Amino acid sequence: SCAYRSNQWRYRGRCDSIQFASDRRIFLAGFGLYGSSCGSAEYSVTVELKRQGLVLGQNFNTFLSDGSSSTFPVWFEHPVQVEADTFYTASVVLDGSELSYFGQEGMTEVQCGKVTFQFQCSSDSTNGTGVQGGQLPELIFYG
């Protein structure tokens, strides 16, 4: 569901996911994720990138959030090549007991340098993330 449903966000081992496409070929190195809004906390995280259901990149890691509203980078094992004008599904499953920061007022199209991204909701998202709000605030990439 793409509906934005809560004024707090909790990671409970459910999937936060969104679809994106870029207008040129890029290499996706990881995601920037929100951390705890209640002081420092550790999270276990699985990141995944899929195209048409096929897993192209994945990694399992932990990260320590310092309680700030900054995002925290979580990397794939290897950067994943993303072809132009093709939708990919970015997914993350975090486990941690603390409430976290979250994004609001998300956009369907974002320009970053010479690359334009389009975003769509993902049916894989079972923790509430969609275009309008939630997690996955940053794609870490290079051209």
N, C-alpha and C. Protein backbone atom coordinates (compact mmCIF):
# COMPACT_ATOMS: atom_id res chain seq x y z
N SER A 1 0.84 -1.19 0.00
CA SER A 1 0.00 0.00 0.00
C SER A 1 0.88 1.25 0.00
N CYS A 2 0.48 2.20 -0.78
CA CYS A 2 1.25 3.45 -0.85
C CYS A 2 0.74 4.49 0.12
N ALA A 3 -0.29 4.17 0.88
CA ALA A 3 -0.87 5.16 1.79
C ALA A 3 0.09 5.47 2.92
N TYR A 4 0.24 6.75 3.20
CA TYR A 4 1.06 7.19 4.32
C TYR A 4 0.18 7.15 5.56
N ARG A 5 0.57 6.35 6.56
CA ARG A 5 -0.38 5.99 7.59
C ARG A 5 -0.06 6.41 9.01
N SER A 6 1.07 7.01 9.28
CA SER A 6 1.46 7.15 10.68
C SER A 6 2.33 8.38 10.87
N ASN A 7 2.34 8.93 12.08
CA ASN A 7 3.24 10.03 12.35
C ASN A 7 4.53 9.55 13.01
N GLN A 8 4.66 8.25 13.19
CA GLN A 8 5.91 7.65 13.68
C GLN A 8 6.23 6.47 12.78
N TRP A 9 7.50 6.11 12.75
CA TRP A 9 7.90 4.98 11.92
C TRP A 9 8.59 3.95 12.79
N ARG A 10 8.26 2.71 12.61
CA ARG A 10 8.89 1.65 13.38
C ARG A 10 9.33 0.55 12.42
N TYR A 11 10.57 0.14 12.59
CA TYR A 11 11.07 -1.00 11.82
C TYR A 11 10.72 -2.27 12.57
N ARG A 12 10.07 -3.20 11.91
CA ARG A 12 9.70 -4.46 12.56
C ARG A 12 10.05 -5.65 11.67
N GLY A 13 11.11 -5.52 10.90
CA GLY A 13 11.48 -6.62 10.03
C GLY A 13 10.59 -6.75 8.81
N ARG A 14 9.83 -5.69 8.50
CA ARG A 14 9.00 -5.69 7.29
C ARG A 14 9.69 -4.89 6.21
N CYS A 15 9.25 -5.09 4.99
CA CYS A 15 9.93 -4.52 3.83
C CYS A 15 9.46 -3.09 3.52
N ASP A 16 10.42 -2.19 3.41
CA ASP A 16 10.18 -0.85 2.86
C ASP A 16 10.77 -0.85 1.46
N SER A 17 9.95 -0.48 0.49
CA SER A 17 10.36 -0.65 -0.90
C SER A 17 9.78 0.45 -1.78
N ILE A 18 10.50 0.78 -2.85
CA ILE A 18 10.03 1.75 -3.83
C ILE A 18 10.62 1.39 -5.19
N GLN A 19 9.92 1.76 -6.26
CA GLN A 19 10.44 1.53 -7.61
C GLN A 19 11.00 2.84 -8.15
N PHE A 20 12.09 2.72 -8.94
CA PHE A 20 12.68 3.91 -9.54
C PHE A 20 13.22 3.58 -10.92
N ALA A 21 13.33 4.61 -11.73
CA ALA A 21 13.99 4.51 -13.04
C ALA A 21 14.82 5.78 -13.21
N SER A 22 15.94 5.66 -13.92
CA SER A 22 16.77 6.83 -14.22
C SER A 22 16.82 7.01 -15.73
N ASP A 23 17.09 8.23 -16.18
CA ASP A 23 17.09 8.50 -17.61
C ASP A 23 18.46 8.25 -18.26
N ARG A 24 19.41 7.76 -17.47
CA ARG A 24 20.71 7.36 -18.03
C ARG A 24 21.27 6.22 -17.18
N ARG A 25 22.23 5.51 -17.75
CA ARG A 25 22.85 4.39 -17.04
C ARG A 25 23.65 4.91 -15.85
N ILE A 26 23.46 4.27 -14.71
CA ILE A 26 24.20 4.63 -13.49
C ILE A 26 24.66 3.33 -12.82
N PHE A 27 25.47 3.49 -11.78
CA PHE A 27 25.85 2.38 -10.92
C PHE A 27 25.36 2.71 -9.52
N LEU A 28 24.51 1.83 -8.98
CA LEU A 28 23.94 2.04 -7.65
C LEU A 28 24.84 1.36 -6.63
N ALA A 29 25.38 2.14 -5.69
CA ALA A 29 26.31 1.61 -4.70
C ALA A 29 25.62 1.25 -3.38
N GLY A 30 24.48 1.89 -3.10
CA GLY A 30 23.77 1.61 -1.85
C GLY A 30 22.64 2.59 -1.64
N PHE A 31 22.12 2.62 -0.42
CA PHE A 31 21.02 3.50 -0.04
C PHE A 31 21.43 4.31 1.19
N GLY A 32 20.90 5.51 1.30
CA GLY A 32 20.96 6.26 2.55
C GLY A 32 19.67 5.99 3.30
N LEU A 33 19.77 5.61 4.56
CA LEU A 33 18.59 5.24 5.35
C LEU A 33 18.48 6.10 6.59
N TYR A 34 17.25 6.29 7.04
CA TYR A 34 17.01 7.01 8.29
C TYR A 34 17.30 6.11 9.48
N GLY A 35 17.73 6.73 10.57
CA GLY A 35 17.99 5.99 11.80
C GLY A 35 17.05 6.41 12.91
N SER A 36 17.44 6.08 14.10
CA SER A 36 16.62 6.24 15.30
C SER A 36 16.32 7.71 15.60
N SER A 37 15.09 7.97 16.00
CA SER A 37 14.70 9.31 16.45
C SER A 37 14.69 9.40 17.98
N CYS A 38 15.21 8.36 18.65
CA CYS A 38 15.19 8.30 20.12
C CYS A 38 16.58 8.02 20.67
N GLY A 39 17.60 8.69 20.15
CA GLY A 39 18.95 8.43 20.62
C GLY A 39 19.61 7.32 19.81
N SER A 40 20.80 6.92 20.22
CA SER A 40 21.54 5.94 19.42
C SER A 40 20.88 4.57 19.49
N ALA A 41 20.97 3.85 18.36
CA ALA A 41 20.40 2.51 18.27
C ALA A 41 21.09 1.76 17.14
N GLU A 42 21.16 0.44 17.28
CA GLU A 42 21.74 -0.39 16.22
C GLU A 42 20.64 -1.09 15.45
N TYR A 43 20.82 -1.19 14.15
CA TYR A 43 19.87 -1.86 13.28
C TYR A 43 20.56 -2.94 12.48
N SER A 44 19.86 -4.04 12.26
CA SER A 44 20.30 -4.99 11.24
C SER A 44 19.51 -4.65 9.98
N VAL A 45 20.17 -4.75 8.83
CA VAL A 45 19.54 -4.30 7.60
C VAL A 45 19.91 -5.21 6.44
N THR A 46 18.90 -5.53 5.63
CA THR A 46 19.12 -6.21 4.36
C THR A 46 18.70 -5.25 3.26
N VAL A 47 19.61 -4.97 2.33
CA VAL A 47 19.29 -4.12 1.18
C VAL A 47 19.24 -5.01 -0.06
N GLU A 48 18.36 -4.64 -0.99
CA GLU A 48 18.16 -5.47 -2.18
C GLU A 48 17.76 -4.59 -3.35
N LEU A 49 18.24 -4.95 -4.52
CA LEU A 49 17.83 -4.29 -5.77
C LEU A 49 17.37 -5.37 -6.74
N LYS A 50 16.15 -5.19 -7.26
CA LYS A 50 15.58 -6.18 -8.18
C LYS A 50 15.11 -5.49 -9.46
N ARG A 51 15.12 -6.25 -10.55
CA ARG A 51 14.48 -5.84 -11.79
C ARG A 51 13.61 -6.98 -12.25
N GLN A 52 12.32 -6.72 -12.40
CA GLN A 52 11.34 -7.73 -12.80
C GLN A 52 11.45 -9.00 -11.95
N GLY A 53 11.59 -8.80 -10.64
CA GLY A 53 11.62 -9.91 -9.70
C GLY A 53 12.97 -10.59 -9.53
N LEU A 54 13.95 -10.26 -10.38
CA LEU A 54 15.28 -10.87 -10.32
C LEU A 54 16.19 -10.03 -9.42
N VAL A 55 16.80 -10.66 -8.41
CA VAL A 55 17.70 -9.95 -7.50
C VAL A 55 19.02 -9.67 -8.20
N LEU A 56 19.38 -8.39 -8.31
CA LEU A 56 20.63 -7.97 -8.95
C LEU A 56 21.72 -7.64 -7.95
N GLY A 57 21.31 -7.19 -6.77
CA GLY A 57 22.26 -6.84 -5.72
C GLY A 57 21.61 -7.00 -4.38
N GLN A 58 22.43 -7.39 -3.39
CA GLN A 58 21.88 -7.64 -2.06
C GLN A 58 23.02 -7.53 -1.06
N ASN A 59 22.70 -7.20 0.18
CA ASN A 59 23.70 -7.23 1.23
C ASN A 59 23.00 -7.22 2.58
N PHE A 60 23.63 -7.84 3.56
CA PHE A 60 23.14 -7.83 4.94
C PHE A 60 24.20 -7.16 5.80
N ASN A 61 23.78 -6.25 6.67
CA ASN A 61 24.75 -5.50 7.45
C ASN A 61 24.09 -5.00 8.72
N THR A 62 24.87 -4.34 9.56
CA THR A 62 24.32 -3.61 10.69
C THR A 62 24.84 -2.18 10.61
N PHE A 63 24.09 -1.24 11.14
CA PHE A 63 24.60 0.12 11.25
C PHE A 63 24.14 0.73 12.55
N LEU A 64 24.95 1.63 13.06
CA LEU A 64 24.66 2.32 14.31
C LEU A 64 24.17 3.72 13.98
N SER A 65 22.96 4.01 14.41
CA SER A 65 22.38 5.34 14.25
C SER A 65 22.71 6.15 15.49
N ASP A 66 23.07 7.42 15.28
CA ASP A 66 23.47 8.25 16.42
C ASP A 66 22.33 9.10 16.99
N GLY A 67 21.12 8.92 16.49
CA GLY A 67 19.98 9.68 16.98
C GLY A 67 19.75 10.98 16.24
N SER A 68 20.62 11.30 15.27
CA SER A 68 20.42 12.52 14.47
C SER A 68 19.48 12.21 13.30
N SER A 69 19.00 13.27 12.64
CA SER A 69 18.10 13.07 11.50
C SER A 69 18.88 12.83 10.21
N SER A 70 20.20 12.74 10.31
CA SER A 70 21.02 12.44 9.12
C SER A 70 20.70 11.04 8.61
N THR A 71 20.98 10.81 7.33
CA THR A 71 20.85 9.46 6.79
C THR A 71 22.18 8.73 6.97
N PHE A 72 22.08 7.40 6.93
CA PHE A 72 23.24 6.54 7.13
C PHE A 72 23.42 5.65 5.91
N PRO A 73 24.63 5.63 5.32
CA PRO A 73 24.82 4.83 4.11
C PRO A 73 24.88 3.34 4.41
N VAL A 74 24.19 2.56 3.59
CA VAL A 74 24.25 1.10 3.64
C VAL A 74 24.58 0.65 2.22
N TRP A 75 25.64 -0.12 2.07
CA TRP A 75 26.21 -0.41 0.75
C TRP A 75 25.85 -1.81 0.27
N PHE A 76 25.76 -1.95 -1.05
CA PHE A 76 25.72 -3.28 -1.65
C PHE A 76 27.13 -3.87 -1.59
N GLU A 77 27.21 -5.18 -1.74
CA GLU A 77 28.52 -5.82 -1.77
C GLU A 77 29.35 -5.27 -2.94
N HIS A 78 28.70 -5.10 -4.08
CA HIS A 78 29.32 -4.51 -5.27
C HIS A 78 28.31 -3.55 -5.88
N PRO A 79 28.76 -2.42 -6.48
CA PRO A 79 27.82 -1.54 -7.18
C PRO A 79 27.07 -2.31 -8.27
N VAL A 80 25.82 -1.93 -8.48
CA VAL A 80 24.96 -2.62 -9.46
C VAL A 80 24.68 -1.68 -10.62
N GLN A 81 24.90 -2.16 -11.83
CA GLN A 81 24.61 -1.35 -13.02
C GLN A 81 23.10 -1.25 -13.21
N VAL A 82 22.63 -0.02 -13.39
CA VAL A 82 21.21 0.27 -13.60
C VAL A 82 21.06 0.87 -14.99
N GLU A 83 20.31 0.21 -15.85
CA GLU A 83 20.12 0.68 -17.22
C GLU A 83 19.11 1.83 -17.27
N ALA A 84 19.24 2.66 -18.26
CA ALA A 84 18.33 3.81 -18.42
C ALA A 84 16.91 3.35 -18.75
N ASP A 85 15.95 4.14 -18.29
CA ASP A 85 14.53 3.98 -18.67
C ASP A 85 13.97 2.60 -18.34
N THR A 86 14.43 2.02 -17.25
CA THR A 86 13.95 0.71 -16.79
C THR A 86 13.66 0.83 -15.31
N PHE A 87 12.49 0.35 -14.88
CA PHE A 87 12.16 0.44 -13.46
C PHE A 87 12.81 -0.70 -12.68
N TYR A 88 13.38 -0.32 -11.54
CA TYR A 88 14.01 -1.24 -10.61
C TYR A 88 13.30 -1.10 -9.27
N THR A 89 13.36 -2.16 -8.46
CA THR A 89 12.75 -2.13 -7.13
C THR A 89 13.85 -2.10 -6.08
N ALA A 90 13.87 -1.03 -5.30
CA ALA A 90 14.81 -0.87 -4.19
C ALA A 90 14.08 -1.27 -2.92
N SER A 91 14.68 -2.20 -2.16
CA SER A 91 14.03 -2.70 -0.94
C SER A 91 15.00 -2.74 0.21
N VAL A 92 14.47 -2.52 1.40
CA VAL A 92 15.27 -2.64 2.61
C VAL A 92 14.39 -3.21 3.71
N VAL A 93 14.97 -4.13 4.46
CA VAL A 93 14.31 -4.69 5.64
C VAL A 93 15.22 -4.38 6.82
N LEU A 94 14.70 -3.57 7.74
CA LEU A 94 15.47 -3.21 8.93
C LEU A 94 14.81 -3.79 10.15
N ASP A 95 15.64 -4.19 11.10
CA ASP A 95 15.15 -4.65 12.38
C ASP A 95 15.82 -3.84 13.47
N GLY A 96 15.02 -3.22 14.29
CA GLY A 96 15.51 -2.43 15.41
C GLY A 96 14.31 -1.95 16.19
N SER A 97 14.46 -1.84 17.48
CA SER A 97 13.29 -1.56 18.32
C SER A 97 12.94 -0.07 18.39
N GLU A 98 13.87 0.79 18.01
CA GLU A 98 13.64 2.22 18.19
C GLU A 98 12.78 2.81 17.07
N LEU A 99 12.01 3.83 17.42
CA LEU A 99 11.31 4.60 16.40
C LEU A 99 12.32 5.35 15.56
N SER A 100 11.99 5.55 14.29
CA SER A 100 12.96 6.20 13.40
C SER A 100 12.39 7.45 12.77
N TYR A 101 13.31 8.23 12.21
CA TYR A 101 12.91 9.34 11.35
C TYR A 101 12.33 8.76 10.06
N PHE A 102 11.62 9.61 9.31
CA PHE A 102 11.05 9.16 8.03
C PHE A 102 10.88 10.37 7.14
N GLY A 103 10.73 10.10 5.84
CA GLY A 103 10.56 11.17 4.88
C GLY A 103 9.09 11.46 4.63
N GLN A 104 8.82 12.72 4.25
CA GLN A 104 7.48 13.15 3.88
C GLN A 104 7.59 14.00 2.62
N GLU A 105 6.46 14.21 1.96
CA GLU A 105 6.40 15.06 0.76
C GLU A 105 7.35 14.57 -0.33
N GLY A 106 7.37 13.25 -0.53
CA GLY A 106 8.18 12.65 -1.58
C GLY A 106 7.71 13.09 -2.96
N MET A 107 8.61 12.99 -3.94
CA MET A 107 8.32 13.46 -5.30
C MET A 107 8.38 12.29 -6.29
N THR A 108 7.59 12.39 -7.34
CA THR A 108 7.59 11.35 -8.37
C THR A 108 8.76 11.51 -9.33
N GLU A 109 9.34 12.71 -9.38
CA GLU A 109 10.48 12.95 -10.26
C GLU A 109 11.49 13.84 -9.55
N VAL A 110 12.77 13.44 -9.61
CA VAL A 110 13.84 14.18 -8.94
C VAL A 110 15.03 14.25 -9.89
N GLN A 111 15.60 15.44 -10.02
CA GLN A 111 16.81 15.59 -10.82
C GLN A 111 18.00 15.72 -9.88
N CYS A 112 19.06 14.97 -10.17
CA CYS A 112 20.29 15.00 -9.37
C CYS A 112 21.45 15.10 -10.35
N GLY A 113 22.01 16.29 -10.48
CA GLY A 113 23.04 16.50 -11.48
C GLY A 113 22.44 16.32 -12.87
N LYS A 114 23.04 15.43 -13.66
CA LYS A 114 22.56 15.18 -15.02
C LYS A 114 21.59 14.01 -15.10
N VAL A 115 21.25 13.44 -13.96
CA VAL A 115 20.39 12.26 -13.94
C VAL A 115 19.01 12.64 -13.40
N THR A 116 17.96 12.21 -14.11
CA THR A 116 16.59 12.41 -13.64
C THR A 116 16.02 11.05 -13.25
N PHE A 117 15.49 10.99 -12.03
CA PHE A 117 14.88 9.77 -11.51
C PHE A 117 13.37 9.91 -11.50
N GLN A 118 12.67 8.82 -11.77
CA GLN A 118 11.23 8.74 -11.59
C GLN A 118 10.97 7.68 -10.52
N PHE A 119 9.97 7.93 -9.67
CA PHE A 119 9.65 7.02 -8.58
C PHE A 119 8.19 6.58 -8.66
N GLN A 120 7.97 5.31 -8.30
CA GLN A 120 6.64 4.72 -8.23
C GLN A 120 6.56 3.87 -6.97
N CYS A 121 5.34 3.68 -6.48
CA CYS A 121 5.15 2.77 -5.35
C CYS A 121 5.45 1.34 -5.78
N SER A 122 5.85 0.52 -4.80
CA SER A 122 6.18 -0.88 -5.04
C SER A 122 5.22 -1.77 -4.28
N SER A 123 4.73 -2.82 -4.93
CA SER A 123 3.84 -3.78 -4.24
C SER A 123 4.61 -4.60 -3.21
N ASP A 124 5.96 -4.58 -3.25
CA ASP A 124 6.77 -5.29 -2.26
C ASP A 124 6.78 -4.58 -0.91
N SER A 125 6.34 -3.32 -0.87
CA SER A 125 6.44 -2.52 0.34
C SER A 125 5.32 -2.89 1.31
N THR A 126 5.69 -3.54 2.42
CA THR A 126 4.71 -3.99 3.42
C THR A 126 4.81 -3.20 4.72
N ASN A 127 5.70 -2.18 4.75
CA ASN A 127 5.86 -1.39 5.96
C ASN A 127 5.42 0.06 5.76
N GLY A 128 4.76 0.35 4.64
CA GLY A 128 4.15 1.66 4.45
C GLY A 128 4.89 2.63 3.55
N THR A 129 6.13 2.33 3.16
CA THR A 129 6.87 3.26 2.30
C THR A 129 6.23 3.34 0.93
N GLY A 130 6.13 4.56 0.42
CA GLY A 130 5.65 4.81 -0.94
C GLY A 130 6.28 6.07 -1.46
N VAL A 131 5.79 6.58 -2.56
CA VAL A 131 6.35 7.79 -3.14
C VAL A 131 6.16 8.98 -2.19
N GLN A 132 5.01 9.05 -1.53
CA GLN A 132 4.69 10.21 -0.69
C GLN A 132 5.51 10.28 0.59
N GLY A 133 5.93 9.14 1.12
CA GLY A 133 6.67 9.18 2.37
C GLY A 133 7.15 7.82 2.80
N GLY A 134 8.03 7.84 3.82
CA GLY A 134 8.54 6.60 4.37
C GLY A 134 10.05 6.57 4.40
N GLN A 135 10.60 5.41 4.06
CA GLN A 135 12.03 5.18 4.11
C GLN A 135 12.63 5.22 2.71
N LEU A 136 13.89 4.86 2.57
CA LEU A 136 14.65 4.93 1.32
C LEU A 136 14.75 6.35 0.79
N PRO A 137 15.26 7.28 1.61
CA PRO A 137 15.34 8.68 1.16
C PRO A 137 16.46 8.96 0.16
N GLU A 138 17.47 8.07 0.06
CA GLU A 138 18.60 8.35 -0.81
C GLU A 138 19.04 7.11 -1.59
N LEU A 139 19.32 7.33 -2.85
CA LEU A 139 20.01 6.36 -3.69
C LEU A 139 21.45 6.83 -3.80
N ILE A 140 22.42 6.00 -3.46
CA ILE A 140 23.83 6.38 -3.55
C ILE A 140 24.35 5.80 -4.86
N PHE A 141 24.71 6.68 -5.80
CA PHE A 141 25.06 6.22 -7.14
C PHE A 141 26.19 7.07 -7.72
N TYR A 142 26.74 6.55 -8.79
CA TYR A 142 27.67 7.32 -9.61
C TYR A 142 27.38 7.03 -11.07
N GLY A 143 27.85 7.92 -11.97
CA GLY A 143 27.50 7.84 -13.39
C GLY A 143 28.46 7.03 -14.21
